[in-house]
Amino acid sequence: MEKTKVTGKQFVTEMCFGCGVGNHFGLHGRFYNTHDGKVVAVFQPGDRYQGYPQRLHGGITSSIMDETLGRAIIAIEPDCWGVTVELTVRFKKPVPLDTPLKVMSEVTENTRRLYRSSGSMILPDGEIAATATATYMKQALDAITDMSEVPMGSVRIEQDLDVDFV
């Protein structure tokens, strides 16, 4: 798998299914901004996410794509939050379990209220397992959810850069 130069690691949250450090059932994705304004994510889902024997469930593949494409905006608008409006996933290869997966995403259109992004899930041998396109609505976090009883420290946990390339 080709390595990509990273410039920073994106924040995570406590209980998010895609990135949550405290979610025991979550995917524990790691998200990085790249030198060219894109986002690369790293996942290694285990057998609890199985669909067919030894294969990642398609719904989990879709969740990984949604999480990574949704975060593409953070590379260019670090305080932006998005809500999925539409997600289209194309499945190209079976995804094995317990295998490092790299997902690349980028913003393809950015307006005041919406952004669109696209991306690919890449297997260790460089083959593309899935591609996706998505549209997201930009919203303030307090418009997405009731933040009155949620400590901000559990919603935006800053991460130290731990690699130079992924």
Protein backbone atom coordinates (compact mmCIF):
# COMPACT_ATOMS: atom_id res chain seq x y z
CA MET A 1 0.00 0.00 0.00
CA GLU A 2 1.40 3.40 -0.97
CA LYS A 3 2.24 5.70 1.95
CA THR A 4 0.72 9.17 2.27
CA LYS A 5 2.38 12.15 4.01
CA VAL A 6 0.27 13.43 6.91
CA THR A 7 0.26 16.89 8.47
CA GLY A 8 -1.98 16.33 11.48
CA LYS A 9 -4.25 13.93 13.29
CA GLN A 10 -7.94 14.76 13.57
CA PHE A 11 -9.84 14.85 16.85
CA VAL A 12 -11.99 11.92 17.94
CA THR A 13 -14.92 11.67 20.35
CA GLU A 14 -15.63 9.46 23.30
CA MET A 15 -18.60 7.41 22.06
CA CYS A 16 -18.79 7.79 18.26
CA PHE A 17 -19.17 4.44 16.48
CA GLY A 18 -16.55 5.37 13.89
CA CYS A 19 -13.87 7.02 16.04
CA GLY A 20 -14.92 6.82 19.69
CA VAL A 21 -12.09 5.97 22.05
CA GLY A 22 -14.56 4.90 24.76
CA ASN A 23 -16.92 2.92 22.54
CA HIS A 24 -16.04 -0.74 23.10
CA PHE A 25 -18.15 -1.75 20.09
CA GLY A 26 -16.87 1.04 17.84
CA LEU A 27 -14.47 0.90 14.91
CA HIS A 28 -11.72 3.05 16.53
CA GLY A 29 -10.75 4.74 13.27
CA ARG A 30 -7.75 7.06 13.16
CA PHE A 31 -8.05 10.09 10.88
CA TYR A 32 -5.25 12.18 9.43
CA ASN A 33 -5.08 15.33 7.36
CA THR A 34 -2.69 15.03 4.43
CA HIS A 35 -0.27 17.47 2.85
CA ASP A 36 -2.66 17.94 -0.11
CA GLY A 37 -5.84 18.78 1.85
CA LYS A 38 -7.31 15.29 1.89
CA VAL A 39 -8.11 12.91 4.72
CA VAL A 40 -6.77 9.41 5.16
CA ALA A 41 -8.25 7.04 7.73
CA VAL A 42 -6.97 3.77 9.11
CA PHE A 43 -9.24 0.96 10.34
CA GLN A 44 -8.72 -2.69 11.23
CA PRO A 45 -12.17 -4.15 11.95
CA GLY A 46 -12.24 -7.53 13.65
CA ASP A 47 -14.56 -10.52 13.62
CA ARG A 48 -17.38 -8.81 15.54
CA TYR A 49 -18.07 -6.92 12.27
CA GLN A 50 -18.35 -10.05 10.13
CA GLY A 51 -20.96 -10.49 7.44
CA TYR A 52 -20.09 -13.59 5.44
CA PRO A 53 -17.40 -15.78 7.01
CA GLN A 54 -14.08 -13.90 7.18
CA ARG A 55 -15.59 -10.88 5.40
CA LEU A 56 -16.48 -7.41 6.65
CA HIS A 57 -20.23 -6.72 6.68
CA GLY A 58 -21.26 -4.34 3.90
CA GLY A 59 -23.04 -2.08 6.37
CA ILE A 60 -19.79 -1.64 8.29
CA THR A 61 -17.97 -0.86 5.04
CA SER A 62 -20.62 1.81 4.43
CA SER A 63 -20.19 3.19 7.97
CA ILE A 64 -16.42 3.44 7.48
CA MET A 65 -16.92 5.25 4.18
CA ASP A 66 -19.51 7.62 5.69
CA GLU A 67 -17.27 8.48 8.64
CA THR A 68 -14.23 9.14 6.48
CA LEU A 69 -15.99 11.06 3.71
CA GLY A 70 -17.82 13.11 6.34
CA ARG A 71 -14.48 14.07 7.90
CA ALA A 72 -13.01 15.24 4.58
CA ILE A 73 -14.29 18.75 5.35
CA ILE A 74 -12.23 18.93 8.56
CA ALA A 75 -9.03 19.09 6.49
CA ILE A 76 -10.15 22.44 5.06
CA GLU A 77 -12.68 23.67 7.67
CA PRO A 78 -11.46 22.30 11.03
CA ASP A 79 -14.54 23.37 13.02
CA CYS A 80 -17.14 22.12 10.54
CA TRP A 81 -19.62 19.38 11.46
CA GLY A 82 -21.67 17.62 8.81
CA VAL A 83 -24.83 15.54 8.71
CA THR A 84 -25.15 12.89 6.01
CA VAL A 85 -27.70 13.77 3.34
CA GLU A 86 -26.81 11.05 0.82
CA LEU A 87 -24.24 8.26 0.65
CA THR A 88 -23.58 6.01 -2.34
CA VAL A 89 -21.19 3.09 -1.88
CA ARG A 90 -19.90 0.81 -4.63
CA PHE A 91 -18.53 -2.52 -3.43
CA LYS A 92 -15.70 -3.76 -5.63
CA LYS A 93 -13.87 -6.47 -3.64
CA PRO A 94 -14.60 -8.50 -0.51
CA VAL A 95 -13.02 -6.92 2.56
CA PRO A 96 -11.19 -9.37 4.83
CA LEU A 97 -11.45 -9.05 8.61
CA ASP A 98 -8.49 -8.11 10.85
CA THR A 99 -6.76 -6.43 7.90
CA PRO A 100 -5.45 -2.85 7.89
CA LEU A 101 -7.72 -0.72 5.72
CA LYS A 102 -6.83 2.71 4.41
CA VAL A 103 -9.58 5.07 3.31
CA MET A 104 -8.78 8.21 1.34
CA SER A 105 -11.33 11.02 1.04
CA GLU A 106 -11.52 14.54 -0.34
CA VAL A 107 -14.02 17.35 -0.67
CA THR A 108 -15.19 17.63 -4.27
CA GLU A 109 -17.62 20.55 -3.82
CA ASN A 110 -17.98 23.02 -0.98
CA THR A 111 -20.77 25.57 -0.61
CA ARG A 112 -22.06 27.58 2.32
CA ARG A 113 -24.57 24.91 3.42
CA LEU A 114 -23.43 21.65 1.81
CA TYR A 115 -20.30 19.80 0.84
CA ARG A 116 -19.72 16.76 -1.29
CA SER A 117 -16.88 14.30 -0.95
CA SER A 118 -15.59 11.12 -2.51
CA GLY A 119 -13.26 8.39 -1.42
CA SER A 120 -11.85 4.90 -1.73
CA MET A 121 -11.20 2.01 0.65
CA ILE A 122 -7.83 0.49 -0.15
CA LEU A 123 -6.66 -3.01 0.81
CA PRO A 124 -3.03 -3.67 1.85
CA ASP A 125 -2.15 -4.91 -1.65
CA GLY A 126 -3.33 -1.59 -3.13
CA GLU A 127 -6.58 -2.90 -4.57
CA ILE A 128 -9.69 -0.76 -4.12
CA ALA A 129 -12.36 -2.60 -2.14
CA ALA A 130 -15.02 0.14 -2.21
CA THR A 131 -15.62 3.65 -3.48
CA ALA A 132 -18.16 6.18 -2.28
CA THR A 133 -19.59 9.62 -2.90
CA ALA A 134 -21.59 11.58 -0.36
CA THR A 135 -23.34 14.86 0.37
CA TYR A 136 -23.35 16.44 3.84
CA MET A 137 -25.19 19.40 5.34
CA LYS A 138 -23.04 21.75 7.40
CA GLN A 139 -24.49 22.32 10.86
CA ALA A 140 -23.37 23.57 14.23
CA LEU A 141 -22.95 20.78 16.75
CA ASP A 142 -25.69 22.17 19.02
CA ALA A 143 -28.10 22.03 16.05
CA ILE A 144 -27.28 18.36 15.49
CA THR A 145 -27.76 17.25 19.10
CA ASP A 146 -28.71 18.58 22.52
CA MET A 147 -25.36 19.55 24.01
CA SER A 148 -26.75 20.77 27.35
CA GLU A 149 -25.67 17.64 29.23
CA VAL A 150 -22.66 16.60 27.12
CA PRO A 151 -19.20 17.72 28.25
CA MET A 152 -17.36 19.23 25.28
CA GLY A 153 -14.24 17.33 26.34
CA SER A 154 -15.95 14.07 25.35
CA VAL A 155 -16.98 15.40 21.94
CA ARG A 156 -13.69 16.77 20.65
CA ILE A 157 -10.67 14.86 21.97
CA GLU A 158 -7.53 16.23 20.35
CA GLN A 159 -5.02 13.64 19.17
CA ASP A 160 -1.24 13.97 18.97
CA LEU A 161 0.32 13.16 15.62
CA ASP A 162 1.69 9.63 15.95
CA VAL A 163 2.93 8.95 12.40
CA ASP A 164 4.46 10.89 9.52
CA PHE A 165 3.06 8.62 6.82
CA VAL A 166 0.08 6.24 6.59
